[in-house]
């Protein structure tokens, strides 16, 4: 993965044209971000601001990423989920790195696909499982809101990891520290045992048995001088 990334970077620097890697999962993204020099011109984008699966672009602006949002519509009485769409698309013989985020709501889903497979999906798919679907291009200003994401707000004494874990799990700081020291907590998909590690805006904190939390925004201070933060919880 790192070799492919540097090949893309060096080719973009030689040719002056952007180069891309396909959609990456969170572990792959974390690895590349940790190992690619900050001096290199690298951007990560998944088709919309809150995307989880992102492509890597070398010498690339967001508008140049070869990502196409496809909208699937179907009768709202059918309950189609992420796994249904992914299974049907993989059944076409597509590689996993050609498909990005899949956002589902009642009667509608938007799939972010790599540009070179978008036409193939448009012409080959008329059903997801046994459910008939219509496919077209999506308006990214009107995306489905997945029902597996819960928006929360926390008030923290600081951005230390133990304070965040305590708020996310509704445990005491002492019990939160035990979780961290027991290697049950990850920051951006890397295990962290440092209870005093400071979180940055956008950090993903995964707590075993409790779920995945994203520190989406730092909102400022409360009247009592505590930090107010906005958090997304993935159920």
Protein backbone atom coordinates (compact mmCIF):
# COMPACT_ATOMS: atom_id res chain seq x y z
CA UNK A 1 0.00 0.00 0.00
CA UNK A 2 2.73 2.48 0.92
CA UNK A 3 4.69 1.58 -2.21
CA UNK A 4 1.62 2.21 -4.39
CA UNK A 5 1.05 5.53 -2.65
CA UNK A 6 4.61 6.73 -3.27
CA UNK A 7 4.47 5.53 -6.88
CA UNK A 8 1.38 7.71 -7.37
CA UNK A 9 3.02 10.68 -5.64
CA UNK A 10 6.23 10.44 -7.68
CA UNK A 11 4.32 10.00 -10.95
CA UNK A 12 2.19 13.07 -10.21
CA UNK A 13 5.32 15.10 -9.42
CA UNK A 14 6.97 14.03 -12.70
CA UNK A 15 3.94 14.61 -14.92
CA UNK A 16 2.27 17.51 -13.13
CA UNK A 17 -1.04 15.62 -13.26
CA UNK A 18 -2.98 14.25 -10.27
CA UNK A 19 -2.84 10.54 -9.48
CA UNK A 20 -5.16 8.58 -7.20
CA UNK A 21 -5.47 5.44 -5.10
CA UNK A 22 -8.89 3.77 -4.84
CA UNK A 23 -11.16 4.02 -1.81
CA UNK A 24 -9.30 3.12 1.37
CA UNK A 25 -10.65 1.73 4.62
CA UNK A 26 -9.97 3.43 7.93
CA UNK A 27 -6.99 1.22 8.82
CA UNK A 28 -5.34 1.86 5.44
CA UNK A 29 -5.93 5.60 5.76
CA UNK A 30 -4.44 5.68 9.23
CA UNK A 31 -1.37 3.79 8.00
CA UNK A 32 -0.78 6.09 5.03
CA UNK A 33 -1.29 9.25 7.08
CA UNK A 34 1.25 8.00 9.62
CA UNK A 35 3.87 7.02 7.04
CA UNK A 36 3.68 9.55 4.18
CA UNK A 37 5.79 12.63 4.70
CA UNK A 38 3.82 15.78 5.46
CA UNK A 39 5.96 17.52 2.84
CA UNK A 40 4.28 15.58 0.02
CA UNK A 41 1.24 17.05 -1.72
CA UNK A 42 -1.38 14.50 -0.68
CA UNK A 43 -5.14 14.95 -0.18
CA UNK A 44 -7.79 12.51 1.04
CA UNK A 45 -11.39 12.82 -0.12
CA UNK A 46 -14.44 10.57 -0.35
CA UNK A 47 -16.93 12.60 -2.36
CA UNK A 48 -18.48 14.62 0.48
CA UNK A 49 -17.17 16.27 3.67
CA UNK A 50 -18.04 13.56 6.22
CA UNK A 51 -16.98 10.54 4.16
CA UNK A 52 -15.40 7.59 5.95
CA UNK A 53 -13.91 5.69 3.00
CA UNK A 54 -11.56 8.09 1.22
CA UNK A 55 -9.39 8.08 -1.89
CA UNK A 56 -5.82 9.36 -1.77
CA UNK A 57 -4.99 12.00 -4.34
CA UNK A 58 -1.46 13.14 -5.17
CA UNK A 59 -1.26 16.75 -6.39
CA UNK A 60 -5.06 16.75 -6.49
CA UNK A 61 -7.83 19.17 -5.60
CA UNK A 62 -11.10 17.79 -4.25
CA UNK A 63 -12.99 18.67 -7.44
CA UNK A 64 -10.60 16.52 -9.51
CA UNK A 65 -11.18 13.25 -7.63
CA UNK A 66 -12.72 10.61 -9.94
CA UNK A 67 -15.74 9.98 -7.68
CA UNK A 68 -19.34 9.68 -8.88
CA UNK A 69 -22.32 9.68 -6.46
CA UNK A 70 -25.06 7.32 -7.66
CA UNK A 71 -28.59 7.47 -6.28
CA UNK A 72 -30.65 4.29 -5.91
CA UNK A 73 -34.39 4.69 -5.36
CA UNK A 74 -36.86 1.92 -4.52
CA UNK A 75 -40.23 1.37 -2.88
CA UNK A 76 -39.95 2.62 0.72
CA UNK A 77 -41.66 -0.46 2.20
CA UNK A 78 -38.49 -2.45 1.51
CA UNK A 79 -35.73 -2.32 4.10
CA UNK A 80 -32.41 -2.23 2.27
CA UNK A 81 -29.20 -1.75 4.20
CA UNK A 82 -25.53 -1.04 3.55
CA UNK A 83 -24.72 -4.76 3.38
CA UNK A 84 -27.41 -5.34 0.74
CA UNK A 85 -25.97 -2.73 -1.62
CA UNK A 86 -22.37 -3.76 -1.00
CA UNK A 87 -23.18 -7.44 -1.56
CA UNK A 88 -24.94 -6.75 -4.86
CA UNK A 89 -22.12 -4.52 -6.10
CA UNK A 90 -19.42 -7.00 -5.14
CA UNK A 91 -21.50 -9.63 -6.94
CA UNK A 92 -20.79 -7.74 -10.17
CA UNK A 93 -17.11 -8.57 -9.75
CA UNK A 94 -16.11 -5.08 -8.63
CA UNK A 95 -13.14 -4.61 -6.34
CA UNK A 96 -13.81 -3.19 -2.89
CA UNK A 97 -11.62 -0.15 -3.55
CA UNK A 98 -13.98 0.99 -6.33
CA UNK A 99 -16.83 1.61 -3.88
CA UNK A 100 -16.78 4.31 -1.20
CA UNK A 101 -19.42 5.20 1.36
CA UNK A 102 -22.95 3.84 1.03
CA UNK A 103 -25.58 6.07 2.67
CA UNK A 104 -29.02 4.53 3.16
CA UNK A 105 -32.39 5.83 4.25
CA UNK A 106 -35.96 4.70 3.65
CA UNK A 107 -36.53 4.29 -0.08
CA UNK A 108 -33.21 5.79 -1.13
CA UNK A 109 -29.47 5.23 -1.03
CA UNK A 110 -26.43 7.03 -2.40
CA UNK A 111 -23.34 5.05 -3.35
CA UNK A 112 -20.04 6.81 -4.00
CA UNK A 113 -18.28 4.94 -6.80
CA UNK A 114 -15.02 5.35 -8.63
CA UNK A 115 -15.61 7.04 -11.96
CA UNK A 116 -14.35 4.13 -14.06
CA UNK A 117 -17.04 1.75 -12.72
CA UNK A 118 -19.98 4.17 -12.51
CA UNK A 119 -21.30 3.50 -16.03
CA UNK A 120 -21.00 -0.24 -15.48
CA UNK A 121 -23.15 0.01 -12.33
CA UNK A 122 -25.69 2.23 -14.10
CA UNK A 123 -26.15 -0.28 -16.91
CA UNK A 124 -25.85 -3.57 -15.01
CA UNK A 125 -27.85 -3.07 -11.81
CA UNK A 126 -31.64 -3.08 -11.73
CA UNK A 127 -32.08 -4.96 -8.46
CA UNK A 128 -30.54 -4.99 -5.00
CA UNK A 129 -31.23 -8.47 -3.76
CA UNK A 130 -34.80 -9.05 -4.92
CA UNK A 131 -35.80 -5.40 -4.77
CA UNK A 132 -36.10 -3.43 -8.01
CA UNK A 133 -34.19 -0.14 -8.05
CA UNK A 134 -33.79 2.86 -10.30
CA UNK A 135 -30.34 4.41 -10.54
CA UNK A 136 -29.26 7.90 -11.50
CA UNK A 137 -26.74 10.54 -10.51
CA UNK A 138 -27.10 11.90 -6.98
CA UNK A 139 -27.28 15.47 -5.75
CA UNK A 140 -24.62 15.66 -3.05
CA UNK A 141 -26.38 18.62 -1.43
CA UNK A 142 -29.21 16.24 -0.46
CA UNK A 143 -27.64 13.09 0.93
CA UNK A 144 -29.39 10.43 3.02
CA UNK A 145 -28.80 10.54 6.76
CA UNK A 146 -27.82 7.01 7.85
CA UNK A 147 -29.84 5.70 10.78
CA UNK A 148 -26.78 4.08 12.35
CA UNK A 149 -25.25 7.45 13.26
CA UNK A 150 -26.24 9.20 16.47
CA UNK A 151 -25.29 12.84 17.03
CA UNK A 152 -24.24 13.62 20.60
CA UNK A 153 -22.78 16.52 22.54
CA UNK A 154 -20.37 16.16 25.44
CA UNK A 155 -19.06 18.64 28.00
CA UNK A 156 -15.46 17.79 28.88
CA UNK A 157 -12.93 19.08 31.37
CA UNK A 158 -10.26 18.69 28.68
CA UNK A 159 -9.54 16.88 25.42
CA UNK A 160 -7.61 14.16 27.20
CA UNK A 161 -8.45 10.65 26.07
CA UNK A 162 -9.61 9.50 29.51
CA UNK A 163 -12.05 12.43 29.77
CA UNK A 164 -13.51 11.64 26.35
CA UNK A 165 -13.81 7.90 27.03
CA UNK A 166 -15.51 8.58 30.37
CA UNK A 167 -18.11 10.79 28.66
CA UNK A 168 -18.64 8.35 25.78
CA UNK A 169 -19.12 5.32 28.04
CA UNK A 170 -20.78 7.09 30.99
CA UNK A 171 -18.08 5.69 33.25
CA UNK A 172 -15.87 7.36 35.83
CA UNK A 173 -12.46 8.69 34.75
CA UNK A 174 -10.85 5.90 36.77
CA UNK A 175 -12.79 3.17 34.95
CA UNK A 176 -12.18 4.88 31.61
CA UNK A 177 -8.45 4.85 32.35
CA UNK A 178 -8.62 1.10 32.99
CA UNK A 179 -10.19 0.55 29.57
CA UNK A 180 -7.41 2.57 27.95
CA UNK A 181 -4.61 0.80 29.83
CA UNK A 182 -6.18 -2.57 28.97
CA UNK A 183 -5.64 -1.80 25.25
CA UNK A 184 -9.38 -1.55 24.57
CA UNK A 185 -9.29 1.95 23.05
CA UNK A 186 -8.00 3.12 19.67
CA UNK A 187 -7.42 6.61 18.29
CA UNK A 188 -7.71 6.73 14.51
CA UNK A 189 -7.60 2.92 14.48
CA UNK A 190 -4.33 2.66 16.39
CA UNK A 191 -4.38 1.27 19.95
CA UNK A 192 -3.53 3.95 22.52
CA UNK A 193 -2.70 3.23 26.19
CA UNK A 194 -1.84 6.82 27.11
CA UNK A 195 -4.70 8.14 29.24
CA UNK A 196 -3.44 11.73 28.82
CA UNK A 197 -3.27 11.65 25.01
CA UNK A 198 -4.88 14.79 23.60
CA UNK A 199 -7.56 14.45 20.94
CA UNK A 200 -7.80 16.63 17.86
CA UNK A 201 -10.94 17.68 16.03
CA UNK A 202 -11.87 14.90 13.60
CA UNK A 203 -10.31 12.13 15.69
CA UNK A 204 -11.98 8.73 15.66
CA UNK A 205 -12.07 6.95 19.03
CA UNK A 206 -13.04 3.28 19.01
CA UNK A 207 -13.90 1.73 22.37
CA UNK A 208 -14.33 -2.00 22.41
CA UNK A 209 -17.91 -3.03 23.32
CA UNK A 210 -19.04 0.62 23.26
CA UNK A 211 -18.63 1.54 19.59
CA UNK A 212 -16.95 4.14 17.42
CA UNK A 213 -17.04 7.87 18.20
CA UNK A 214 -15.88 10.77 16.05
CA UNK A 215 -14.99 14.12 17.63
CA UNK A 216 -16.64 16.11 14.84
CA UNK A 217 -16.35 19.64 16.26
CA UNK A 218 -15.09 21.64 19.23
CA UNK A 219 -17.87 24.14 19.95
CA UNK A 220 -16.23 26.33 22.59
CA UNK A 221 -16.50 26.79 26.33
CA UNK A 222 -19.52 26.43 28.56
CA UNK A 223 -20.37 29.02 31.23
CA UNK A 224 -18.42 26.94 33.71
CA UNK A 225 -15.34 26.92 31.49
CA UNK A 226 -15.70 23.33 30.26
CA UNK A 227 -15.25 22.31 26.64
CA UNK A 228 -18.38 21.64 24.57
CA UNK A 229 -17.85 19.16 21.76
CA UNK A 230 -20.01 17.63 19.05
CA UNK A 231 -19.65 13.87 18.61
CA UNK A 232 -20.93 11.28 16.17
CA UNK A 233 -21.51 7.79 17.48
CA UNK A 234 -21.65 4.90 15.01
CA UNK A 235 -23.98 2.26 16.40
